[in-house]
Amino acid sequence: MAEAGLSLEKRITALEERIARQETEAPSVVTLATLAPETLKLKKPIPVYLRSTGEDWIASFLDGNINASGETEPEALDNLKDILTATFRHLTSLPAEKLGPGPARQLAVLREFVESP
């Protein structure tokens, strides 16, 4: 019984330490100035929030509701570029009347930042 309690105490301590790290590690903000090697062009830089989960990195374009993760910051950013371009291409390939409110809003936001060459 004591071992189970000790194991639980260790878990709680580890979780408390993890929470404390996340609270002190505010996300950093970077901007994407290009989608290279993709051919899509940016009208203006895209603000991206980067944060560590302790195990990987999450890159978020909040206005566009697009997120990606990776084992490193550069990998998370590359994955975000891939998802962002795939989303833009997919949404622009659909007739406007086929888009629901969410995808229509997402496309409108993406069009503020991205254009086809």
Protein backbone atom coordinates (compact mmCIF):
# COMPACT_ATOMS: atom_id res chain seq x y z
CA MET A 1 0.00 0.00 0.00
CA ALA A 2 2.85 2.39 0.78
CA GLU A 3 4.41 1.74 -2.64
CA ALA A 4 1.17 2.68 -4.39
CA GLY A 5 1.01 5.91 -2.37
CA LEU A 6 4.62 6.75 -3.16
CA SER A 7 4.06 6.09 -6.85
CA LEU A 8 1.04 8.38 -6.77
CA GLU A 9 3.04 11.06 -4.96
CA LYS A 10 5.77 10.86 -7.61
CA ARG A 11 3.18 11.18 -10.34
CA ILE A 12 1.61 14.21 -8.69
CA THR A 13 5.01 15.84 -8.24
CA ALA A 14 5.89 15.19 -11.88
CA LEU A 15 2.57 16.67 -13.03
CA GLU A 16 3.04 19.72 -10.82
CA GLU A 17 6.51 20.27 -12.27
CA ARG A 18 5.18 19.91 -15.79
CA ILE A 19 2.38 22.41 -15.14
CA ALA A 20 4.84 24.86 -13.60
CA ARG A 21 7.11 24.60 -16.67
CA GLN A 22 4.21 25.19 -19.04
CA GLU A 23 3.01 28.19 -17.06
CA THR A 24 6.46 29.79 -17.17
CA GLU A 25 7.16 28.88 -20.79
CA ALA A 26 4.99 31.33 -22.66
CA PRO A 27 4.56 30.64 -26.35
CA SER A 28 6.85 32.55 -28.66
CA VAL A 29 5.52 34.36 -31.68
CA VAL A 30 7.28 34.06 -35.01
CA THR A 31 6.19 35.07 -38.48
CA LEU A 32 6.17 33.03 -41.63
CA ALA A 33 7.45 35.24 -44.43
CA THR A 34 7.33 32.51 -47.07
CA LEU A 35 5.71 29.17 -47.76
CA ALA A 36 8.74 27.93 -49.74
CA PRO A 37 9.23 25.46 -51.23
CA GLU A 38 5.52 25.78 -52.06
CA THR A 39 4.55 28.01 -54.98
CA LEU A 40 1.82 29.85 -53.08
CA LYS A 41 2.70 33.46 -52.28
CA LEU A 42 2.13 35.34 -49.06
CA LYS A 43 0.38 38.71 -49.18
CA LYS A 44 1.62 39.43 -45.67
CA PRO A 45 3.53 37.52 -42.98
CA ILE A 46 1.60 34.94 -40.99
CA PRO A 47 1.84 35.19 -37.19
CA VAL A 48 2.57 31.78 -35.67
CA TYR A 49 2.53 30.85 -32.01
CA LEU A 50 5.10 28.23 -31.04
CA ARG A 51 4.99 26.36 -27.78
CA SER A 52 6.61 23.32 -26.31
CA THR A 53 4.59 20.54 -24.74
CA GLY A 54 7.74 19.13 -23.20
CA GLU A 55 7.75 16.30 -25.72
CA ASP A 56 7.16 18.13 -28.98
CA TRP A 57 6.37 21.56 -30.43
CA ILE A 58 3.06 22.98 -31.57
CA ALA A 59 2.85 25.71 -34.22
CA SER A 60 -0.50 27.53 -34.45
CA PHE A 61 -1.92 30.01 -36.92
CA LEU A 62 -4.78 31.02 -34.66
CA ASP A 63 -6.74 33.23 -37.06
CA GLY A 64 -6.75 30.45 -39.67
CA ASN A 65 -7.53 27.74 -37.10
CA ILE A 66 -4.57 25.69 -38.32
CA ASN A 67 -2.18 23.83 -36.03
CA ALA A 68 0.67 21.40 -36.51
CA SER A 69 3.19 19.66 -34.33
CA GLY A 70 6.71 18.35 -34.68
CA GLU A 71 9.57 17.06 -32.61
CA THR A 72 11.45 20.36 -33.13
CA GLU A 73 10.44 23.96 -33.76
CA PRO A 74 11.51 23.87 -37.44
CA GLU A 75 9.63 20.61 -37.98
CA ALA A 76 6.47 22.07 -36.43
CA LEU A 77 6.77 25.14 -38.69
CA ASP A 78 7.34 23.01 -41.79
CA ASN A 79 4.33 20.86 -40.90
CA LEU A 80 2.24 24.01 -40.40
CA LYS A 81 3.26 25.25 -43.87
CA ASP A 82 2.25 21.91 -45.37
CA ILE A 83 -1.15 21.88 -43.66
CA LEU A 84 -1.77 25.54 -44.42
CA THR A 85 -1.06 25.12 -48.14
CA ALA A 86 -3.06 21.88 -48.37
CA THR A 87 -6.01 23.54 -46.62
CA PHE A 88 -5.86 26.59 -48.90
CA ARG A 89 -5.69 24.47 -52.04
CA HIS A 90 -8.51 22.22 -50.89
CA LEU A 91 -10.84 25.05 -49.89
CA THR A 92 -10.19 27.05 -53.07
CA SER A 93 -10.92 23.96 -55.16
CA LEU A 94 -14.48 23.72 -53.81
CA PRO A 95 -17.45 25.77 -55.03
CA ALA A 96 -18.27 28.54 -52.55
CA GLU A 97 -21.80 27.18 -52.09
CA LYS A 98 -20.35 23.85 -50.91
CA LEU A 99 -18.49 25.47 -48.02
CA GLY A 100 -20.14 25.63 -44.63
CA PRO A 101 -19.72 28.63 -42.32
CA GLY A 102 -16.52 27.33 -40.70
CA PRO A 103 -14.63 26.48 -43.89
CA ALA A 104 -15.89 29.69 -45.56
CA ARG A 105 -14.51 31.76 -42.66
CA GLN A 106 -11.25 29.82 -42.73
CA LEU A 107 -10.88 30.42 -46.46
CA ALA A 108 -11.61 34.13 -46.04
CA VAL A 109 -8.85 34.39 -43.43
CA LEU A 110 -6.42 32.40 -45.56
CA ARG A 111 -7.13 34.66 -48.56
CA GLU A 112 -6.04 37.64 -46.45
CA PHE A 113 -2.59 36.06 -46.19
CA VAL A 114 -2.17 33.68 -49.15
CA GLU A 115 -2.58 33.93 -52.92
CA SER A 116 -1.97 31.62 -55.84
CA PRO A 117 0.90 32.66 -58.12
